[in-house]
Amino acid sequence: MVNFGTINFGEKVEIKYKFKNIGDFPLVLTNVVPGCGCTVTDFTSAPIAPKEEGYITATFDSNRSHGGVVRKSIYCQTNTKFKQKHELVFTGEVRDCNSCDY
């Protein structure tokens, strides 16, 4: 789980997950889906060779969310033997405009 801290309502924040292929065959991310419309994802789409690294980036747009504490998920599937769905989680706090410092 990643905590991005506190942002003001209207701001965007980028969260980057880096991972390494510890298997013996190329790793492929077959599906990467954010849990809601306030998050957009980007990811390594090419096969990741053994011992190489890949990434999943999430851009959270607080304009499309609510104020207060947020907990968001990204669901990922790979070409691994069990084809499990993995959940990446990030949290943080969005201050509403009444508590902004500007």
N, C-alpha and C. Protein backbone atom coordinates (compact mmCIF):
# COMPACT_ATOMS: atom_id res chain seq x y z
N MET A 1 0.85 -1.17 0.00
CA MET A 1 0.00 0.00 0.00
C MET A 1 0.89 1.24 0.00
N VAL A 2 0.48 2.24 -0.76
CA VAL A 2 1.20 3.50 -0.85
C VAL A 2 0.31 4.61 -0.31
N ASN A 3 0.85 5.49 0.51
CA ASN A 3 0.11 6.65 0.98
C ASN A 3 0.73 7.88 0.34
N PHE A 4 -0.08 8.62 -0.43
CA PHE A 4 0.45 9.81 -1.12
C PHE A 4 0.44 11.06 -0.25
N GLY A 5 -0.04 10.96 0.97
CA GLY A 5 -0.06 12.12 1.87
C GLY A 5 -1.34 12.92 1.71
N THR A 6 -1.22 14.24 1.79
CA THR A 6 -2.38 15.13 1.71
C THR A 6 -2.25 16.05 0.52
N ILE A 7 -3.33 16.16 -0.25
CA ILE A 7 -3.38 17.10 -1.37
C ILE A 7 -4.65 17.93 -1.23
N ASN A 8 -4.68 19.05 -1.94
CA ASN A 8 -5.87 19.89 -1.97
C ASN A 8 -6.83 19.39 -3.04
N PHE A 9 -8.12 19.57 -2.79
CA PHE A 9 -9.11 19.20 -3.78
C PHE A 9 -8.77 19.90 -5.09
N GLY A 10 -8.83 19.17 -6.20
CA GLY A 10 -8.51 19.72 -7.52
C GLY A 10 -7.13 19.33 -8.00
N GLU A 11 -6.28 18.83 -7.13
CA GLU A 11 -4.93 18.42 -7.52
C GLU A 11 -4.92 16.98 -8.01
N LYS A 12 -3.89 16.67 -8.78
CA LYS A 12 -3.64 15.30 -9.22
C LYS A 12 -2.35 14.83 -8.57
N VAL A 13 -2.26 13.53 -8.37
CA VAL A 13 -1.04 12.95 -7.81
C VAL A 13 -0.73 11.67 -8.58
N GLU A 14 0.56 11.42 -8.79
CA GLU A 14 0.99 10.23 -9.50
C GLU A 14 1.65 9.26 -8.52
N ILE A 15 1.23 8.02 -8.58
CA ILE A 15 1.79 6.95 -7.75
C ILE A 15 2.41 5.94 -8.70
N LYS A 16 3.67 5.57 -8.45
CA LYS A 16 4.35 4.64 -9.35
C LYS A 16 4.74 3.38 -8.58
N TYR A 17 4.30 2.25 -9.10
CA TYR A 17 4.65 0.94 -8.55
C TYR A 17 5.69 0.32 -9.48
N LYS A 18 6.82 -0.07 -8.92
CA LYS A 18 7.86 -0.73 -9.71
C LYS A 18 7.95 -2.18 -9.24
N PHE A 19 8.13 -3.10 -10.16
CA PHE A 19 8.23 -4.51 -9.80
C PHE A 19 9.27 -5.19 -10.66
N LYS A 20 9.72 -6.37 -10.20
CA LYS A 20 10.75 -7.12 -10.90
C LYS A 20 10.22 -8.51 -11.22
N ASN A 21 10.52 -8.99 -12.41
CA ASN A 21 10.16 -10.34 -12.81
C ASN A 21 11.17 -11.29 -12.18
N ILE A 22 10.71 -12.05 -11.18
CA ILE A 22 11.61 -13.00 -10.51
C ILE A 22 11.43 -14.42 -11.06
N GLY A 23 10.61 -14.55 -12.10
CA GLY A 23 10.37 -15.86 -12.70
C GLY A 23 11.40 -16.19 -13.77
N ASP A 24 11.16 -17.30 -14.44
CA ASP A 24 12.07 -17.78 -15.47
C ASP A 24 11.57 -17.51 -16.88
N PHE A 25 10.38 -16.94 -17.01
CA PHE A 25 9.77 -16.66 -18.31
C PHE A 25 9.34 -15.21 -18.37
N PRO A 26 9.16 -14.65 -19.58
CA PRO A 26 8.69 -13.27 -19.68
C PRO A 26 7.36 -13.07 -18.95
N LEU A 27 7.27 -11.97 -18.23
CA LEU A 27 6.06 -11.61 -17.49
C LEU A 27 5.28 -10.60 -18.32
N VAL A 28 3.98 -10.83 -18.46
CA VAL A 28 3.13 -9.93 -19.23
C VAL A 28 1.97 -9.48 -18.34
N LEU A 29 1.77 -8.18 -18.26
CA LEU A 29 0.58 -7.64 -17.61
C LEU A 29 -0.54 -7.74 -18.63
N THR A 30 -1.52 -8.59 -18.36
CA THR A 30 -2.58 -8.82 -19.34
C THR A 30 -3.78 -7.91 -19.15
N ASN A 31 -3.92 -7.33 -17.95
CA ASN A 31 -5.04 -6.46 -17.68
C ASN A 31 -4.71 -5.60 -16.47
N VAL A 32 -4.82 -4.29 -16.59
CA VAL A 32 -4.60 -3.36 -15.49
C VAL A 32 -5.79 -2.41 -15.48
N VAL A 33 -6.60 -2.47 -14.42
CA VAL A 33 -7.85 -1.72 -14.39
C VAL A 33 -7.96 -0.95 -13.07
N PRO A 34 -8.15 0.37 -13.14
CA PRO A 34 -8.39 1.12 -11.90
C PRO A 34 -9.77 0.78 -11.35
N GLY A 35 -9.91 0.90 -10.03
CA GLY A 35 -11.16 0.57 -9.37
C GLY A 35 -12.24 1.62 -9.52
N CYS A 36 -11.89 2.82 -9.99
CA CYS A 36 -12.90 3.87 -10.17
C CYS A 36 -12.45 4.85 -11.24
N GLY A 37 -13.33 5.76 -11.60
CA GLY A 37 -13.06 6.73 -12.66
C GLY A 37 -12.16 7.87 -12.27
N CYS A 38 -11.75 7.95 -11.00
CA CYS A 38 -10.87 9.04 -10.57
C CYS A 38 -9.40 8.69 -10.77
N THR A 39 -9.12 7.49 -11.24
CA THR A 39 -7.75 7.02 -11.42
C THR A 39 -7.54 6.54 -12.85
N VAL A 40 -6.43 6.96 -13.45
CA VAL A 40 -6.03 6.52 -14.78
C VAL A 40 -4.71 5.78 -14.63
N THR A 41 -4.56 4.67 -15.35
CA THR A 41 -3.33 3.88 -15.22
C THR A 41 -2.54 3.84 -16.52
N ASP A 42 -1.25 3.63 -16.36
CA ASP A 42 -0.33 3.37 -17.46
C ASP A 42 0.57 2.25 -16.95
N PHE A 43 1.06 1.40 -17.85
CA PHE A 43 1.87 0.28 -17.39
C PHE A 43 2.77 -0.23 -18.50
N THR A 44 3.76 -1.01 -18.10
CA THR A 44 4.66 -1.64 -19.05
C THR A 44 3.85 -2.67 -19.83
N SER A 45 3.68 -2.43 -21.12
CA SER A 45 2.85 -3.32 -21.93
C SER A 45 3.67 -4.39 -22.65
N ALA A 46 4.95 -4.17 -22.80
CA ALA A 46 5.82 -5.17 -23.44
C ALA A 46 6.15 -6.27 -22.43
N PRO A 47 6.42 -7.49 -22.89
CA PRO A 47 6.82 -8.55 -21.97
C PRO A 47 8.08 -8.14 -21.19
N ILE A 48 8.09 -8.48 -19.92
CA ILE A 48 9.20 -8.12 -19.04
C ILE A 48 10.05 -9.38 -18.84
N ALA A 49 11.27 -9.32 -19.32
CA ALA A 49 12.18 -10.47 -19.27
C ALA A 49 12.52 -10.82 -17.82
N PRO A 50 12.91 -12.07 -17.57
CA PRO A 50 13.35 -12.45 -16.22
C PRO A 50 14.45 -11.51 -15.72
N LYS A 51 14.34 -11.14 -14.45
CA LYS A 51 15.27 -10.24 -13.75
C LYS A 51 15.15 -8.79 -14.18
N GLU A 52 14.24 -8.46 -15.10
CA GLU A 52 14.02 -7.08 -15.52
C GLU A 52 12.87 -6.47 -14.71
N GLU A 53 12.74 -5.14 -14.81
CA GLU A 53 11.72 -4.43 -14.05
C GLU A 53 10.66 -3.83 -14.97
N GLY A 54 9.47 -3.66 -14.43
CA GLY A 54 8.37 -3.01 -15.10
C GLY A 54 7.72 -2.04 -14.14
N TYR A 55 6.67 -1.37 -14.59
CA TYR A 55 6.00 -0.39 -13.74
C TYR A 55 4.50 -0.35 -14.02
N ILE A 56 3.79 0.13 -13.03
CA ILE A 56 2.39 0.51 -13.16
C ILE A 56 2.30 1.90 -12.55
N THR A 57 1.78 2.85 -13.29
CA THR A 57 1.62 4.21 -12.80
C THR A 57 0.14 4.53 -12.69
N ALA A 58 -0.23 5.10 -11.56
CA ALA A 58 -1.61 5.54 -11.34
C ALA A 58 -1.62 7.04 -11.19
N THR A 59 -2.52 7.72 -11.91
CA THR A 59 -2.71 9.14 -11.73
C THR A 59 -4.09 9.35 -11.12
N PHE A 60 -4.10 9.84 -9.89
CA PHE A 60 -5.34 10.07 -9.15
C PHE A 60 -5.73 11.52 -9.31
N ASP A 61 -6.96 11.77 -9.76
CA ASP A 61 -7.50 13.12 -9.98
C ASP A 61 -8.53 13.41 -8.90
N SER A 62 -8.19 14.27 -7.96
CA SER A 62 -9.09 14.54 -6.84
C SER A 62 -10.36 15.28 -7.27
N ASN A 63 -10.35 15.89 -8.47
CA ASN A 63 -11.57 16.51 -9.00
C ASN A 63 -12.66 15.48 -9.23
N ARG A 64 -12.27 14.24 -9.42
CA ARG A 64 -13.23 13.17 -9.72
C ARG A 64 -13.50 12.29 -8.51
N SER A 65 -13.13 12.77 -7.33
CA SER A 65 -13.29 12.00 -6.11
C SER A 65 -14.02 12.86 -5.08
N HIS A 66 -13.83 12.55 -3.82
CA HIS A 66 -14.45 13.28 -2.73
C HIS A 66 -13.36 13.73 -1.77
N GLY A 67 -13.70 14.66 -0.91
CA GLY A 67 -12.76 15.12 0.09
C GLY A 67 -12.64 14.10 1.21
N GLY A 68 -11.60 14.27 2.03
CA GLY A 68 -11.38 13.37 3.15
C GLY A 68 -10.40 12.27 2.80
N VAL A 69 -10.41 11.23 3.60
CA VAL A 69 -9.51 10.09 3.39
C VAL A 69 -10.02 9.25 2.23
N VAL A 70 -9.12 8.89 1.32
CA VAL A 70 -9.47 8.05 0.18
C VAL A 70 -8.63 6.78 0.21
N ARG A 71 -9.23 5.71 -0.29
CA ARG A 71 -8.54 4.43 -0.46
C ARG A 71 -8.95 3.92 -1.83
N LYS A 72 -7.99 3.78 -2.72
CA LYS A 72 -8.27 3.39 -4.11
C LYS A 72 -7.49 2.14 -4.47
N SER A 73 -8.04 1.39 -5.41
CA SER A 73 -7.42 0.13 -5.84
C SER A 73 -7.18 0.11 -7.34
N ILE A 74 -6.18 -0.67 -7.73
CA ILE A 74 -5.89 -0.98 -9.13
C ILE A 74 -5.80 -2.50 -9.18
N TYR A 75 -6.49 -3.10 -10.14
CA TYR A 75 -6.51 -4.55 -10.26
C TYR A 75 -5.68 -4.96 -11.47
N CYS A 76 -4.78 -5.94 -11.27
CA CYS A 76 -3.85 -6.35 -12.31
C CYS A 76 -3.92 -7.86 -12.49
N GLN A 77 -3.82 -8.29 -13.73
CA GLN A 77 -3.69 -9.70 -14.03
C GLN A 77 -2.44 -9.89 -14.86
N THR A 78 -1.83 -11.07 -14.70
CA THR A 78 -0.60 -11.38 -15.42
C THR A 78 -0.73 -12.74 -16.08
N ASN A 79 0.30 -13.09 -16.83
CA ASN A 79 0.33 -14.39 -17.50
C ASN A 79 0.96 -15.46 -16.62
N THR A 80 1.01 -15.27 -15.32
CA THR A 80 1.62 -16.26 -14.43
C THR A 80 0.77 -17.53 -14.38
N LYS A 81 1.34 -18.56 -13.82
CA LYS A 81 0.73 -19.88 -13.79
C LYS A 81 -0.70 -19.86 -13.24
N PHE A 82 -0.94 -19.10 -12.19
CA PHE A 82 -2.26 -19.10 -11.55
C PHE A 82 -3.17 -17.98 -12.05
N LYS A 83 -2.63 -17.09 -12.89
CA LYS A 83 -3.40 -15.99 -13.47
C LYS A 83 -4.24 -15.26 -12.41
N GLN A 84 -3.62 -15.05 -11.26
CA GLN A 84 -4.29 -14.37 -10.16
C GLN A 84 -4.53 -12.91 -10.47
N LYS A 85 -5.57 -12.36 -9.86
CA LYS A 85 -5.81 -10.93 -9.93
C LYS A 85 -5.12 -10.32 -8.70
N HIS A 86 -4.26 -9.35 -8.93
CA HIS A 86 -3.52 -8.69 -7.86
C HIS A 86 -4.15 -7.32 -7.62
N GLU A 87 -4.19 -6.91 -6.36
CA GLU A 87 -4.73 -5.60 -6.02
C GLU A 87 -3.62 -4.71 -5.50
N LEU A 88 -3.45 -3.55 -6.13
CA LEU A 88 -2.53 -2.52 -5.65
C LEU A 88 -3.40 -1.45 -5.00
N VAL A 89 -3.01 -0.99 -3.83
CA VAL A 89 -3.83 -0.03 -3.08
C VAL A 89 -3.02 1.23 -2.81
N PHE A 90 -3.69 2.38 -2.92
CA PHE A 90 -3.08 3.62 -2.45
C PHE A 90 -4.11 4.40 -1.65
N THR A 91 -3.61 5.16 -0.71
CA THR A 91 -4.46 5.95 0.17
C THR A 91 -3.90 7.36 0.26
N GLY A 92 -4.67 8.24 0.83
CA GLY A 92 -4.24 9.60 1.06
C GLY A 92 -5.42 10.41 1.56
N GLU A 93 -5.19 11.70 1.66
CA GLU A 93 -6.24 12.59 2.12
C GLU A 93 -6.39 13.74 1.13
N VAL A 94 -7.63 14.08 0.83
CA VAL A 94 -7.95 15.21 -0.04
C VAL A 94 -8.61 16.27 0.82
N ARG A 95 -7.94 17.41 0.93
CA ARG A 95 -8.53 18.52 1.69
C ARG A 95 -9.53 19.23 0.82
N ASP A 96 -10.70 19.50 1.37
CA ASP A 96 -11.69 20.24 0.59
C ASP A 96 -11.28 21.71 0.53
N CYS A 97 -11.90 22.46 -0.36
CA CYS A 97 -11.47 23.85 -0.60
C CYS A 97 -11.62 24.73 0.64
N ASN A 98 -12.49 24.38 1.57
CA ASN A 98 -12.65 25.19 2.78
C ASN A 98 -11.43 25.14 3.67
N SER A 99 -10.59 24.11 3.53
CA SER A 99 -9.41 24.02 4.38
C SER A 99 -8.11 24.24 3.61
N CYS A 100 -8.21 24.70 2.36
CA CYS A 100 -7.00 24.98 1.56
C CYS A 100 -6.32 26.24 2.08
N ASP A 101 -5.02 26.34 1.88
CA ASP A 101 -4.23 27.46 2.39
C ASP A 101 -4.11 28.62 1.41
N TYR A 102 -4.86 28.63 0.33
CA TYR A 102 -4.69 29.73 -0.63
C TYR A 102 -5.77 30.75 -0.52
